[in-house]
Protein backbone atom coordinates (compact mmCIF):
# COMPACT_ATOMS: atom_id res chain seq x y z
CA UNK A 1 -0.05 0.03 -0.25
CA UNK A 2 1.33 3.45 -0.98
CA UNK A 3 1.64 5.90 1.78
CA UNK A 4 -0.13 8.64 -0.05
CA UNK A 5 -3.30 8.06 -1.87
CA UNK A 6 -2.62 10.74 -4.35
CA UNK A 7 0.55 9.32 -5.64
CA UNK A 8 1.07 9.33 -9.32
CA UNK A 9 -0.40 6.06 -11.10
CA UNK A 10 2.51 5.80 -13.37
CA UNK A 11 4.67 5.39 -10.44
CA UNK A 12 2.63 2.38 -8.86
CA UNK A 13 3.69 -1.22 -9.33
CA UNK A 14 1.14 -3.78 -10.79
CA UNK A 15 0.32 -5.00 -7.34
CA UNK A 16 -0.13 -1.42 -5.89
CA UNK A 17 -2.47 -0.51 -8.80
CA UNK A 18 -4.42 -3.79 -8.14
CA UNK A 19 -4.74 -3.00 -4.70
CA UNK A 20 -6.02 0.91 -5.55
CA UNK A 21 -8.64 -0.65 -7.96
CA UNK A 22 -9.72 -2.95 -5.24
CA UNK A 23 -9.94 -0.19 -2.61
CA UNK A 24 -11.93 2.09 -5.05
CA UNK A 25 -14.33 -0.68 -5.96
CA UNK A 26 -15.17 -1.25 -2.15
CA UNK A 27 -15.56 2.66 -2.14
CA UNK A 28 -17.90 2.72 -4.93
CA UNK A 29 -20.00 -0.09 -3.28
CA UNK A 30 -19.98 1.69 0.08
CA UNK A 31 -21.34 5.02 -1.54
CA UNK A 32 -23.96 3.07 -3.31
CA UNK A 33 -24.97 1.20 -0.03
CA UNK A 34 -24.86 4.40 1.70
CA UNK A 35 -27.10 6.29 -0.99
CA UNK A 36 -24.71 8.87 -1.40
CA UNK A 37 -25.24 11.77 -3.79
CA UNK A 38 -25.25 10.84 -7.41
CA UNK A 39 -22.56 13.06 -8.27
CA UNK A 40 -20.31 11.66 -5.55
CA UNK A 41 -21.08 8.14 -6.92
CA UNK A 42 -20.30 9.26 -10.41
CA UNK A 43 -16.88 10.58 -9.59
CA UNK A 44 -16.01 7.49 -7.63
CA UNK A 45 -17.02 5.36 -10.37
CA UNK A 46 -14.83 7.60 -13.15
CA UNK A 47 -11.99 6.96 -10.63
CA UNK A 48 -12.55 3.31 -10.54
CA UNK A 49 -12.50 3.27 -14.40
CA UNK A 50 -9.46 5.13 -14.89
CA UNK A 51 -7.51 2.94 -12.31
CA UNK A 52 -8.70 -0.09 -14.26
CA UNK A 53 -7.39 1.48 -17.46
CA UNK A 54 -4.28 2.22 -15.87
CA UNK A 55 -4.05 -1.50 -14.58
CA UNK A 56 -4.57 -2.96 -17.87
CA UNK A 57 -2.16 -0.45 -19.69
CA UNK A 58 0.73 -1.52 -17.07
CA UNK A 59 -0.12 -5.39 -17.13
CA UNK A 60 -1.96 -6.07 -20.31
CA UNK A 61 -4.45 -8.01 -17.95
CA UNK A 62 -8.17 -6.94 -17.39
CA UNK A 63 -8.82 -6.47 -13.65
CA UNK A 64 -10.24 -9.38 -11.83
CA UNK A 65 -11.28 -9.17 -8.10
CA UNK A 66 -9.25 -11.29 -6.03
CA UNK A 67 -6.73 -12.41 -8.73
CA UNK A 68 -3.58 -10.26 -8.25
CA UNK A 69 -1.61 -9.71 -11.64
CA UNK A 70 -0.47 -12.95 -13.31
CA UNK A 71 3.02 -13.95 -14.55
CA UNK A 72 4.59 -12.26 -11.43
CA UNK A 73 6.31 -13.60 -8.29
CA UNK A 74 4.66 -11.03 -5.92
CA UNK A 75 7.24 -9.76 -3.11
CA UNK A 76 6.23 -7.42 -0.48
CA UNK A 77 3.76 -4.90 -1.82
CA UNK A 78 4.22 -5.00 -5.58
CA UNK A 79 7.73 -5.90 -6.27
CA UNK A 80 8.06 -8.31 -9.21
CA UNK A 81 11.12 -10.72 -8.97
CA UNK A 82 12.99 -11.11 -11.91
CA UNK A 83 15.57 -14.08 -12.24
CA UNK A 84 18.53 -12.06 -10.99
CA UNK A 85 16.38 -10.00 -8.64
CA UNK A 86 16.67 -10.54 -4.80
CA UNK A 87 13.76 -12.05 -2.98
CA UNK A 88 12.99 -10.25 0.39
CA UNK A 89 9.92 -10.81 2.46
CA UNK A 90 9.30 -11.27 6.18
CA UNK A 91 10.01 -15.01 5.93
CA UNK A 92 12.62 -15.32 3.17
CA UNK A 93 15.75 -13.44 2.12
CA UNK A 94 17.35 -14.86 -1.26
CA UNK A 95 19.94 -13.52 -3.43
CA UNK A 96 22.05 -14.98 -6.05
CA UNK A 97 24.89 -12.38 -5.21
CA UNK A 98 27.69 -13.05 -2.86
CA UNK A 99 27.88 -9.68 -2.02
CA UNK A 100 24.43 -10.00 -0.55
CA UNK A 101 21.13 -8.09 -1.32
CA UNK A 102 21.32 -5.10 -3.57
CA UNK A 103 20.22 -2.51 -1.00
CA UNK A 104 19.97 0.34 -3.25
CA UNK A 105 17.42 -1.46 -5.64
CA UNK A 106 15.64 -2.51 -2.40
CA UNK A 107 15.29 1.12 -1.40
CA UNK A 108 13.61 2.05 -4.65
CA UNK A 109 11.42 -1.08 -4.66
CA UNK A 110 10.21 -0.24 -1.10
CA UNK A 111 9.94 3.30 -1.58
CA UNK A 112 12.04 4.15 1.38
CA UNK A 113 14.62 6.87 1.91
CA UNK A 114 18.54 6.30 1.98
CA UNK A 115 20.32 7.33 5.24
CA UNK A 116 22.53 10.02 3.74
CA UNK A 117 25.23 11.80 5.21
CA UNK A 118 23.08 14.74 5.83
CA UNK A 119 20.81 12.90 7.86
CA UNK A 120 23.63 11.14 9.90
CA UNK A 121 25.30 14.65 10.65
CA UNK A 122 21.80 15.74 11.70
CA UNK A 123 21.52 12.82 14.28
CA UNK A 124 24.94 13.88 15.33
CA UNK A 125 23.96 17.45 16.11
CA UNK A 126 20.78 16.40 17.85
CA UNK A 127 22.35 14.09 20.41
CA UNK A 128 25.79 15.81 20.68
CA UNK A 129 27.87 12.69 20.06
CA UNK A 130 29.36 10.64 17.36
CA UNK A 131 26.54 8.41 15.62
CA UNK A 132 26.65 4.55 16.27
CA UNK A 133 29.01 2.78 13.83
CA UNK A 134 25.89 0.73 12.41
CA UNK A 135 25.02 4.44 11.10
CA UNK A 136 28.38 5.43 10.11
CA UNK A 137 29.00 2.17 7.95
CA UNK A 138 25.71 2.03 6.46
CA UNK A 139 24.40 -1.07 8.33
CA UNK A 140 21.21 1.03 9.11
CA UNK A 141 20.93 2.29 5.52
CA UNK A 142 17.20 3.10 4.98
CA UNK A 143 14.28 5.05 6.72
CA UNK A 144 11.07 6.46 6.81
CA UNK A 145 10.51 9.93 8.27
CA UNK A 146 13.34 9.89 10.59
CA UNK A 147 13.55 13.74 9.74
CA UNK A 148 10.19 13.85 11.73
CA UNK A 149 11.36 12.28 14.75
CA UNK A 150 14.45 14.51 15.03
CA UNK A 151 11.90 17.53 14.45
CA UNK A 152 9.91 16.30 17.34
CA UNK A 153 13.02 15.59 19.27
CA UNK A 154 14.54 19.08 18.48
CA UNK A 155 11.02 20.68 19.49
CA UNK A 156 11.17 18.68 23.07
CA UNK A 157 8.23 16.67 21.77
CA UNK A 158 8.18 12.94 22.97
CA UNK A 159 8.60 9.78 20.85
CA UNK A 160 9.11 6.24 21.62
CA UNK A 161 10.91 3.05 20.43
CA UNK A 162 9.61 -0.33 19.34
CA UNK A 163 11.14 -3.44 18.23
CA UNK A 164 10.70 -6.83 18.36
CA UNK A 165 11.75 -10.42 18.18
CA UNK A 166 9.98 -13.64 16.71
CA UNK A 167 11.03 -16.43 19.28
CA UNK A 168 11.47 -19.16 17.04
CA UNK A 169 14.14 -21.19 18.86
CA UNK A 170 15.91 -20.98 22.33
CA UNK A 171 19.28 -20.10 21.24
CA UNK A 172 19.79 -16.77 19.33
CA UNK A 173 22.62 -16.01 17.42
CA UNK A 174 24.75 -12.99 16.96
CA UNK A 175 22.87 -11.50 14.00
CA UNK A 176 20.03 -11.32 16.06
CA UNK A 177 21.55 -8.93 18.45
CA UNK A 178 21.99 -6.37 15.81
CA UNK A 179 18.55 -4.49 16.23
CA UNK A 180 18.81 -4.62 19.79
CA UNK A 181 22.29 -3.22 20.18
CA UNK A 182 21.15 -0.32 18.06
CA UNK A 183 17.93 0.28 19.75
CA UNK A 184 19.83 0.40 23.12
CA UNK A 185 21.99 3.19 21.76
CA UNK A 186 18.82 4.91 20.45
CA UNK A 187 17.16 4.77 23.76
CA UNK A 188 20.09 5.87 25.50
CA UNK A 189 21.08 8.96 23.29
CA UNK A 190 17.56 10.09 22.98
CA UNK A 191 16.32 9.12 26.59
CA UNK A 192 12.96 7.68 25.50
CA UNK A 193 10.69 4.74 26.36
CA UNK A 194 11.05 1.30 24.56
CA UNK A 195 8.60 -1.49 23.85
CA UNK A 196 9.90 -4.72 22.74
CA UNK A 197 7.13 -7.26 21.22
CA UNK A 198 7.92 -10.78 21.35
CA UNK A 199 5.51 -12.42 18.54
CA UNK A 200 5.20 -15.80 20.31
CA UNK A 201 1.70 -16.01 18.77
CA UNK A 202 3.22 -15.62 15.04
CA UNK A 203 5.74 -18.60 15.68
CA UNK A 204 3.14 -20.65 16.87
CA UNK A 205 0.94 -19.97 13.69
CA UNK A 206 3.84 -20.23 11.24
CA UNK A 207 5.99 -23.08 12.86
CA UNK A 208 5.25 -26.61 14.13
CA UNK A 209 5.40 -25.95 17.78
CA UNK A 210 2.92 -25.82 20.70
CA UNK A 211 1.82 -22.45 22.28
CA UNK A 212 3.52 -23.60 25.20
CA UNK A 213 6.81 -24.02 23.63
CA UNK A 214 6.41 -20.64 21.68
CA UNK A 215 5.85 -19.12 25.13
CA UNK A 216 8.94 -20.68 26.57
CA UNK A 217 11.17 -19.58 23.74
CA UNK A 218 9.81 -16.16 24.40
CA UNK A 219 11.03 -15.92 27.88
CA UNK A 220 14.27 -17.42 27.07
CA UNK A 221 14.71 -15.14 24.14
CA UNK A 222 13.85 -12.18 26.63
CA UNK A 223 16.88 -13.17 28.74
CA UNK A 224 19.08 -12.55 25.83
CA UNK A 225 17.55 -9.18 24.89
CA UNK A 226 17.76 -8.14 28.51
CA UNK A 227 21.52 -9.21 28.44
CA UNK A 228 22.09 -6.37 26.02
CA UNK A 229 21.68 -4.10 28.86
CA UNK A 230 18.14 -2.41 28.68
CA UNK A 231 17.24 -0.18 31.53
CA UNK A 232 14.31 -1.65 33.21
CA UNK A 233 13.05 1.57 34.09
CA UNK A 234 12.64 2.58 30.82
CA UNK A 235 11.78 -0.68 28.65
CA UNK A 236 8.67 -3.01 28.73
CA UNK A 237 9.20 -6.34 27.18
CA UNK A 238 5.92 -8.27 26.06
CA UNK A 239 4.50 -11.53 24.98
CA UNK A 240 1.71 -11.30 22.61
CA UNK A 241 0.23 -14.28 24.20
CA UNK A 242 0.42 -12.60 27.64
CA UNK A 243 -0.35 -8.90 26.81
CA UNK A 244 -2.93 -9.33 24.36
CA UNK A 245 -5.25 -10.61 27.27
CA UNK A 246 -4.63 -7.96 29.53
CA UNK A 247 -4.62 -4.69 27.37
CA UNK A 248 -7.74 -3.33 26.08
CA UNK A 249 -5.98 -0.54 24.31
CA UNK A 250 -3.76 -2.98 22.54
CA UNK A 251 -6.69 -5.21 21.35
CA UNK A 252 -8.64 -2.13 20.27
CA UNK A 253 -5.89 -0.97 17.86
CA UNK A 254 -5.61 -4.46 16.42
CA UNK A 255 -9.53 -4.45 15.59
CA UNK A 256 -9.14 -0.80 13.99
CA UNK A 257 -6.38 -2.16 11.75
CA UNK A 258 -8.05 -5.08 10.99
CA UNK A 259 -11.18 -3.28 9.91
CA UNK A 260 -9.23 -1.10 7.57
CA UNK A 261 -7.14 -3.80 5.76
CA UNK A 262 -8.88 -6.01 3.16
CA UNK A 263 -8.20 -9.56 2.74
CA UNK A 264 -6.96 -9.15 -0.93
CA UNK A 265 -4.55 -6.34 0.48
CA UNK A 266 -3.03 -8.61 2.93
CA UNK A 267 -2.73 -11.40 0.12
CA UNK A 268 -0.79 -8.78 -1.97
CA UNK A 269 1.35 -7.83 0.54
CA UNK A 270 2.31 -11.08 2.42
CA UNK A 271 1.60 -13.59 -0.27
CA UNK A 272 -1.12 -15.42 1.80
CA UNK A 273 -3.06 -17.97 0.05
CA UNK A 274 -6.41 -19.30 0.58
CA UNK A 275 -5.17 -22.32 2.36
CA UNK A 276 -3.53 -20.24 5.08
CA UNK A 277 -5.01 -20.35 8.46
CA UNK A 278 -7.02 -17.13 9.49
CA UNK A 279 -4.39 -16.62 12.35
CA UNK A 280 -1.70 -15.75 9.67
CA UNK A 281 -4.06 -13.35 7.89
CA UNK A 282 -4.87 -11.43 11.14
CA UNK A 283 -1.43 -11.63 12.44
CA UNK A 284 -0.22 -8.46 10.74
CA UNK A 285 -2.44 -6.12 12.65
CA UNK A 286 -0.96 -7.51 15.93
CA UNK A 287 2.52 -6.61 14.86
CA UNK A 288 1.09 -3.12 13.78
CA UNK A 289 -0.61 -2.30 16.97
CA UNK A 290 2.47 -1.50 19.22
CA UNK A 291 3.30 1.30 16.58
CA UNK A 292 0.32 3.38 18.39
CA UNK A 293 1.05 4.65 21.79
CA UNK A 294 -2.67 4.02 22.98
CA UNK A 295 -1.57 0.39 22.98
CA UNK A 296 0.29 1.06 26.22
CA UNK A 297 -1.93 3.26 28.33
CA UNK A 298 -0.07 2.32 31.48
CA UNK A 299 3.12 3.78 29.74
CA UNK A 300 1.81 6.78 27.99
CA UNK A 301 -1.11 7.70 30.28
CA UNK A 302 -3.60 7.13 27.48
CA UNK A 303 -2.06 9.46 25.07
CA UNK A 304 -2.57 8.60 21.41
CA UNK A 305 -0.44 11.40 19.54
CA UNK A 306 2.96 10.20 20.50
CA UNK A 307 5.21 9.09 17.36
CA UNK A 308 6.79 5.91 17.33
CA UNK A 309 10.38 4.88 15.81
CA UNK A 310 10.72 1.26 14.57
CA UNK A 311 14.52 -0.06 14.25
CA UNK A 312 14.15 -3.32 12.44
CA UNK A 313 15.72 -5.36 9.40
CA UNK A 314 14.14 -4.16 6.12
CA UNK A 315 12.36 -7.50 5.69
CA UNK A 316 9.89 -6.38 8.34
CA UNK A 317 8.96 -3.39 6.40
CA UNK A 318 6.03 -4.73 4.83
CA UNK A 319 4.17 -4.84 7.97
CA UNK A 320 5.00 -1.17 8.66
CA UNK A 321 4.10 -0.09 5.12
CA UNK A 322 0.56 -1.41 5.90
CA UNK A 323 0.66 0.26 9.30
CA UNK A 324 1.67 3.64 7.97
CA UNK A 325 -1.23 3.41 5.25
CA UNK A 326 -3.78 2.60 8.04
CA UNK A 327 -2.67 4.97 10.67
CA UNK A 328 -4.18 8.18 9.28
CA UNK A 329 -7.59 6.47 8.75
CA UNK A 330 -7.80 5.44 12.49
CA UNK A 331 -6.42 8.75 13.73
CA UNK A 332 -2.89 7.62 14.71
CA UNK A 333 0.60 9.02 13.76
CA UNK A 334 2.53 7.10 11.20
CA UNK A 335 5.35 5.29 12.66
CA UNK A 336 8.81 6.10 11.57
CA UNK A 337 11.35 3.49 10.52
CA UNK A 338 15.36 2.70 10.52
CA UNK A 339 16.11 -0.33 8.43
CA UNK A 340 19.10 -2.46 8.73
CA UNK A 341 20.75 -4.71 6.09
CA UNK A 342 20.73 -8.45 6.64
CA UNK A 343 23.42 -10.41 8.79
CA UNK A 344 25.24 -12.56 6.56
CA UNK A 345 25.43 -16.61 7.23
CA UNK A 346 28.73 -17.80 7.78
CA UNK A 347 28.86 -19.63 4.32
CA UNK A 348 28.16 -16.57 2.60
CA UNK A 349 25.93 -13.63 2.19
CA UNK A 350 23.82 -15.38 -0.50
CA UNK A 351 22.83 -18.14 1.73
CA UNK A 352 20.26 -18.24 4.69
CA UNK A 353 21.09 -18.55 8.49
CA UNK A 354 18.92 -21.18 9.94
CA UNK A 355 18.44 -22.06 13.70
CA UNK A 356 18.32 -25.69 12.57
CA UNK A 357 21.99 -25.42 11.00
CA UNK A 358 24.37 -24.68 13.91
CA UNK A 359 27.06 -23.91 11.72
CA UNK A 360 25.15 -21.19 9.95
CA UNK A 361 26.02 -18.57 12.32
CA UNK A 362 27.74 -17.97 15.69
CA UNK A 363 25.08 -18.56 18.28
CA UNK A 364 25.09 -16.80 21.71
CA UNK A 365 25.66 -20.22 23.54
CA UNK A 366 28.53 -21.30 21.47
CA UNK A 367 31.99 -21.66 23.40
CA UNK A 368 35.27 -20.14 22.55
CA UNK A 369 36.40 -23.28 20.67
CA UNK A 370 33.06 -23.85 18.80
CA UNK A 371 33.32 -20.10 17.58
CA UNK A 372 36.84 -20.70 16.61
CA UNK A 373 36.01 -24.00 14.59
CA UNK A 374 33.08 -22.26 12.88
CA UNK A 375 34.81 -19.24 11.64
CA UNK A 376 38.03 -21.42 10.41
CA UNK A 377 35.99 -24.06 9.05
CA UNK A 378 32.78 -22.24 7.54
CA UNK A 379 33.15 -18.68 7.16
CA UNK A 380 33.28 -17.64 3.50
CA UNK A 381 36.30 -16.45 2.25
CA UNK A 382 37.16 -13.63 -0.17
CA UNK A 383 40.69 -14.66 -0.48
CA UNK A 384 42.40 -16.35 -3.56
CA UNK A 385 43.16 -20.01 -4.16
CA UNK A 386 46.62 -19.75 -3.27
CA UNK A 387 48.80 -17.77 -1.14
CA UNK A 388 51.00 -16.68 -4.13
CA UNK A 389 48.01 -15.31 -5.90
CA UNK A 390 46.49 -13.72 -2.75
CA UNK A 391 49.72 -11.78 -2.19
CA UNK A 392 49.76 -10.66 -5.93
CA UNK A 393 45.99 -9.93 -6.31
CA UNK A 394 44.51 -9.36 -2.84
CA UNK A 395 41.39 -10.59 -1.23
CA UNK A 396 37.81 -9.35 -1.87
CA UNK A 397 36.38 -7.70 1.09
CA UNK A 398 33.13 -7.11 -0.47
CA UNK A 399 32.29 -11.31 -0.34
CA UNK A 400 34.43 -12.16 2.61
CA UNK A 401 32.22 -12.98 5.59
CA UNK A 402 34.96 -12.45 8.23
CA UNK A 403 35.35 -8.88 7.14
CA UNK A 404 31.59 -8.54 6.82
CA UNK A 405 31.20 -9.69 10.59
CA UNK A 406 33.96 -7.28 11.61
CA UNK A 407 32.09 -4.39 9.89
CA UNK A 408 29.28 -5.22 12.41
CA UNK A 409 31.33 -6.04 15.69
CA UNK A 410 34.66 -4.29 15.30
CA UNK A 411 33.78 -0.88 16.53
CA UNK A 412 37.29 0.81 15.82
CA UNK A 413 36.99 2.32 12.48
CA UNK A 414 40.71 2.92 12.06
CA UNK A 415 41.40 -0.57 12.89
CA UNK A 416 38.62 -1.83 10.43
CA UNK A 417 40.12 0.30 7.45
CA UNK A 418 43.70 -1.06 8.25
CA UNK A 419 42.30 -4.57 7.90
CA UNK A 420 40.43 -3.61 4.67
CA UNK A 421 43.79 -2.21 3.15
CA UNK A 422 45.72 -5.05 4.16
CA UNK A 423 43.42 -7.87 2.86
CA UNK A 424 42.69 -6.04 -0.38
CA UNK A 425 46.26 -5.54 -1.19
CA UNK A 426 47.25 -9.19 -0.19
CA UNK A 427 49.28 -8.34 2.78
CA UNK A 428 46.98 -9.87 5.13
CA UNK A 429 45.89 -13.63 4.47
CA UNK A 430 42.35 -15.16 4.94
CA UNK A 431 43.62 -17.11 7.99
CA UNK A 432 45.00 -13.98 9.77
CA UNK A 433 41.64 -12.09 8.98
CA UNK A 434 39.72 -14.97 10.45
CA UNK A 435 41.93 -14.88 13.72
CA UNK A 436 40.95 -11.46 13.91
CA UNK A 437 37.30 -12.14 13.78
CA UNK A 438 37.71 -15.03 16.25
CA UNK A 439 39.48 -12.78 18.72
CA UNK A 440 36.75 -10.23 18.26
CA UNK A 441 33.67 -12.69 18.53
CA UNK A 442 35.01 -14.92 21.50
CA UNK A 443 35.09 -12.10 24.28
CA UNK A 444 31.83 -10.57 22.89
CA UNK A 445 29.93 -13.74 23.24
CA UNK A 446 31.42 -14.57 26.57
CA UNK A 447 30.60 -11.41 27.89
CA UNK A 448 26.99 -11.76 26.81
CA UNK A 449 26.83 -15.09 28.35
CA UNK A 450 28.21 -13.63 31.62
CA UNK A 451 25.38 -10.83 31.64
CA UNK A 452 22.71 -13.41 30.65
CA UNK A 453 23.61 -15.61 33.79
CA UNK A 454 22.52 -12.53 35.84
CA UNK A 455 19.04 -12.50 34.32
CA UNK A 456 16.79 -14.39 36.56
CA UNK A 457 13.23 -15.41 36.07
CA UNK A 458 12.33 -12.73 38.45
CA UNK A 459 13.90 -10.18 36.39
CA UNK A 460 12.16 -11.39 33.17
CA UNK A 461 8.91 -11.00 35.00
CA UNK A 462 9.64 -7.53 36.09
CA UNK A 463 10.45 -6.56 32.49
CA UNK A 464 7.53 -8.01 31.28
CA UNK A 465 5.01 -6.70 33.95
CA UNK A 466 2.65 -3.82 32.38
CA UNK A 467 3.48 -0.78 34.50
CA UNK A 468 4.44 2.86 34.32
CA UNK A 469 8.06 3.60 33.04
CA UNK A 470 10.36 6.46 34.27
CA UNK A 471 8.70 9.06 31.95
CA UNK A 472 5.85 11.58 32.45
CA UNK A 473 3.15 11.97 29.75
């Protein structure tokens, strides 16, 4: 769904046009059923015919209700996947490029804005300190309305943070830490409330697991999240399975979103089929609801006009494009977003990490020995076939997973640049680069494990108890 209903029809994709025709058809039926004035109905019909003509011109197909454009593999709100194009949706990330997903193309496809130098400089001026290395290195690379958030902050108006985790397994890997590390930094520099959604209901609907297991994973994952160092006085972590039954405000927002999104729209956005259970079809509204402050009356004192900022990986953007489209129609501010790149699997950026494959990433439960073995044995190398060739031609940092991981976790900019120059020139060998990564990851994971040991069930309960936080609204 487009953010603006008045966008140029020529700029819309086939699926976006399909959705506009569907929406306009519903509007015409509603006007007729409500016995609206004839001129109003006629204007709506003319718009419907115009949209249908645009749809046929773009696709070569007549519009048929309930049948999205043919001959397209629909990816996230109207993006057609060609053979060499990346596939990105909330459940799948696929690319044939060893460098990983082409994020510049993804920005164009999703209609977001690039985080450029001007925005990074503005953030630096607003917070009075050097921006996080995730921003400086383009790990968070795209945004929606971050300018508005900064406007609010500079004018002493409140906003809050919302991020989440789908607890699909007991053990999280280091890639799962990325949004939480960045969110923690955002919370500290802007001093704002944070809500963290654990979508255990989603995992029950999508995965072969019991409700009890999904909830157990949620509490275990909460321990890893808390171990990132969040302030208990400023952070509310909630399980959907728990919180939905206790918050009238949360459920009311879910129902409002559900009323304003059609089945055709969620099929187009998320690729749902007629054989999907109705739980999946209704779930996007549950992920949308935390974007609205009225879902947390205990935190925001019932106020509905507080803007939300959502740091997340860009595969979650379809949920929030839907949310941003609905928000004005239910009297809520649109959430702003900061999008991160994907964390690569050890075997290469074109492969997918899997909780069922322990060698696809470094897990937060791994021992120092396991970390060393995984990196040495499985980390995809951008080096040459022989030492002689490597010394002569140098390595390729664009595809080397060890260097990619260091980009995420080595905070020293000068050291990272030295490694890049040495590896590219052939001075530094693949084994030596892997050694640097091992020496970076072992203490990082060990420190996380020590912090996690301090997180008791009682501390988890405190974080997950609906309550007032250390802010006045």
